[in-house]
Amino acid sequence: QVQLVESGGGLVQAGGSLRLSCAASGRTFSSYTMGWFRQAPGKEREFVGTISWNGISTYYADSVKGRFTISRDNPKNTVYLQMNSLEPEDTAVYYCAAARWSSSSDYTTGEAYGYWGRGTQVTVSS
């Protein structure tokens, strides 16, 4: 069982930066693939990025590639989402999620993740 709590959201002007954190409970955090998703009002949940259990591999949605960076600190049971050059289109509730590794899983889809946080609001003003 993993419990996830996001923090760091807020209101920022376009072009600004925010760093989201996701704190995880449990002693097996380092074994989980972690992902970030977001959902804007009236839109479906959207994949943002994912990071492997050891932090070596990352993968991002095209919409955030080059602007967002995912990292993790396993001893601190925390995964981060550094967001730079924010745009109004990035406004959404951001969720972190945890998944047990499987060779058959597609970590760009929400279905691969068994644990979710409650989300943190990010609002980017123009």
Protein backbone atom coordinates (compact mmCIF):
# COMPACT_ATOMS: atom_id res chain seq x y z
CA GLN A 1 0.00 0.00 0.00
CA VAL A 2 1.29 3.43 -0.96
CA GLN A 3 -0.22 6.76 0.01
CA LEU A 4 0.67 9.81 -2.04
CA VAL A 5 0.36 13.48 -1.13
CA GLU A 6 1.09 16.23 -3.63
CA SER A 7 2.13 19.76 -2.71
CA GLY A 8 3.63 22.84 -4.28
CA GLY A 9 0.79 23.96 -6.50
CA GLY A 10 -0.33 27.55 -6.73
CA LEU A 11 -0.85 30.55 -8.94
CA VAL A 12 1.98 31.65 -11.21
CA GLN A 13 2.32 33.99 -14.15
CA ALA A 14 3.02 32.69 -17.62
CA GLY A 15 6.72 32.09 -18.06
CA GLY A 16 7.18 31.30 -14.40
CA SER A 17 8.17 28.12 -12.61
CA LEU A 18 6.80 25.81 -9.95
CA ARG A 19 8.07 22.65 -8.37
CA LEU A 20 5.57 20.07 -7.29
CA SER A 21 6.40 17.43 -4.73
CA CYS A 22 4.77 14.09 -4.12
CA ALA A 23 5.49 12.49 -0.77
CA ALA A 24 4.91 8.78 -0.49
CA SER A 25 4.36 6.59 2.51
CA GLY A 26 5.63 3.06 2.75
CA ARG A 27 9.00 1.38 2.74
CA THR A 28 8.85 0.16 -0.85
CA PHE A 29 8.66 3.53 -2.59
CA SER A 30 11.93 2.90 -4.39
CA SER A 31 10.43 -0.07 -6.19
CA TYR A 32 7.64 1.92 -7.85
CA THR A 33 7.51 3.61 -11.20
CA MET A 34 6.09 7.08 -10.62
CA GLY A 35 4.02 9.20 -12.92
CA TRP A 36 2.54 12.66 -13.12
CA PHE A 37 -0.81 13.36 -14.73
CA ARG A 38 -2.98 16.43 -14.96
CA GLN A 39 -6.60 17.25 -15.56
CA ALA A 40 -7.92 20.59 -16.69
CA PRO A 41 -11.56 21.60 -16.22
CA GLY A 42 -13.77 19.92 -18.78
CA LYS A 43 -10.92 17.81 -20.13
CA GLU A 44 -9.80 14.26 -19.69
CA ARG A 45 -6.86 13.32 -17.53
CA GLU A 46 -3.60 13.77 -19.43
CA PHE A 47 -0.25 12.07 -19.05
CA VAL A 48 2.59 14.44 -18.13
CA GLY A 49 5.60 12.25 -17.47
CA THR A 50 6.99 9.20 -15.75
CA ILE A 51 10.18 8.16 -14.01
CA SER A 52 11.59 4.71 -13.41
CA TRP A 53 12.12 3.26 -9.96
CA ASN A 54 15.82 4.21 -9.95
CA GLY A 55 15.37 7.62 -11.56
CA ILE A 56 17.48 6.73 -14.58
CA SER A 57 14.70 6.71 -17.15
CA THR A 58 12.17 9.44 -17.74
CA TYR A 59 9.58 10.01 -20.43
CA TYR A 60 7.44 13.06 -21.10
CA ALA A 61 4.41 14.10 -23.04
CA ASP A 62 5.28 16.19 -26.07
CA SER A 63 3.35 19.10 -24.62
CA VAL A 64 5.78 19.45 -21.70
CA LYS A 65 9.00 18.07 -23.11
CA GLY A 66 11.87 20.49 -22.59
CA ARG A 67 9.93 22.48 -19.99
CA PHE A 68 9.12 19.93 -17.27
CA THR A 69 11.53 17.63 -15.44
CA ILE A 70 10.70 14.71 -13.17
CA SER A 71 13.13 13.57 -10.51
CA ARG A 72 12.96 11.45 -7.39
CA ASP A 73 14.72 11.12 -4.08
CA ASN A 74 14.17 7.56 -2.91
CA PRO A 75 15.63 7.99 0.59
CA LYS A 76 13.11 10.81 1.08
CA ASN A 77 10.23 8.89 -0.53
CA THR A 78 9.56 11.88 -2.76
CA VAL A 79 9.13 12.52 -6.46
CA TYR A 80 9.28 15.98 -7.97
CA LEU A 81 7.91 17.75 -11.01
CA GLN A 82 9.88 20.85 -11.92
CA MET A 83 7.82 23.01 -14.26
CA ASN A 84 9.47 25.85 -16.15
CA SER A 85 8.22 28.23 -18.83
CA LEU A 86 4.69 27.66 -17.68
CA GLU A 87 1.85 28.47 -20.03
CA PRO A 88 -1.84 29.12 -19.34
CA GLU A 89 -2.52 25.78 -21.03
CA ASP A 90 -0.68 24.08 -18.16
CA THR A 91 -3.45 25.08 -15.77
CA ALA A 92 -4.83 21.89 -14.23
CA VAL A 93 -4.97 19.73 -11.17
CA TYR A 94 -1.75 17.73 -11.08
CA TYR A 95 -1.70 14.19 -9.71
CA CYS A 96 1.14 11.87 -8.92
CA ALA A 97 0.70 8.15 -9.22
CA ALA A 98 2.64 5.01 -8.36
CA ALA A 99 2.85 1.76 -10.24
CA ARG A 100 4.53 -1.55 -9.67
CA TRP A 101 6.89 -2.29 -12.51
CA SER A 102 5.74 -4.62 -15.23
CA SER A 103 7.26 -5.20 -18.64
CA SER A 104 3.80 -5.11 -20.20
CA SER A 105 2.64 -1.85 -18.66
CA ASP A 106 2.25 1.36 -20.59
CA TYR A 107 3.18 4.00 -18.07
CA THR A 108 1.75 6.79 -20.21
CA THR A 109 -1.74 5.56 -19.31
CA GLY A 110 -3.49 5.98 -16.01
CA GLU A 111 -4.51 2.35 -16.02
CA ALA A 112 -0.94 1.30 -15.28
CA TYR A 113 -0.98 3.02 -11.89
CA GLY A 114 -2.56 1.55 -8.81
CA TYR A 115 -2.07 4.43 -6.39
CA TRP A 116 -2.98 8.08 -6.76
CA GLY A 117 -2.69 11.26 -4.79
CA ARG A 118 -5.52 13.75 -4.40
CA GLY A 119 -3.89 16.34 -6.59
CA THR A 120 -2.65 19.90 -6.33
CA GLN A 121 -3.97 22.84 -8.31
CA VAL A 122 -1.69 24.71 -10.68
CA THR A 123 -3.01 27.90 -12.21
CA VAL A 124 -1.03 29.85 -14.78
CA SER A 125 -2.20 33.36 -15.53
CA SER A 126 -1.57 35.08 -18.83
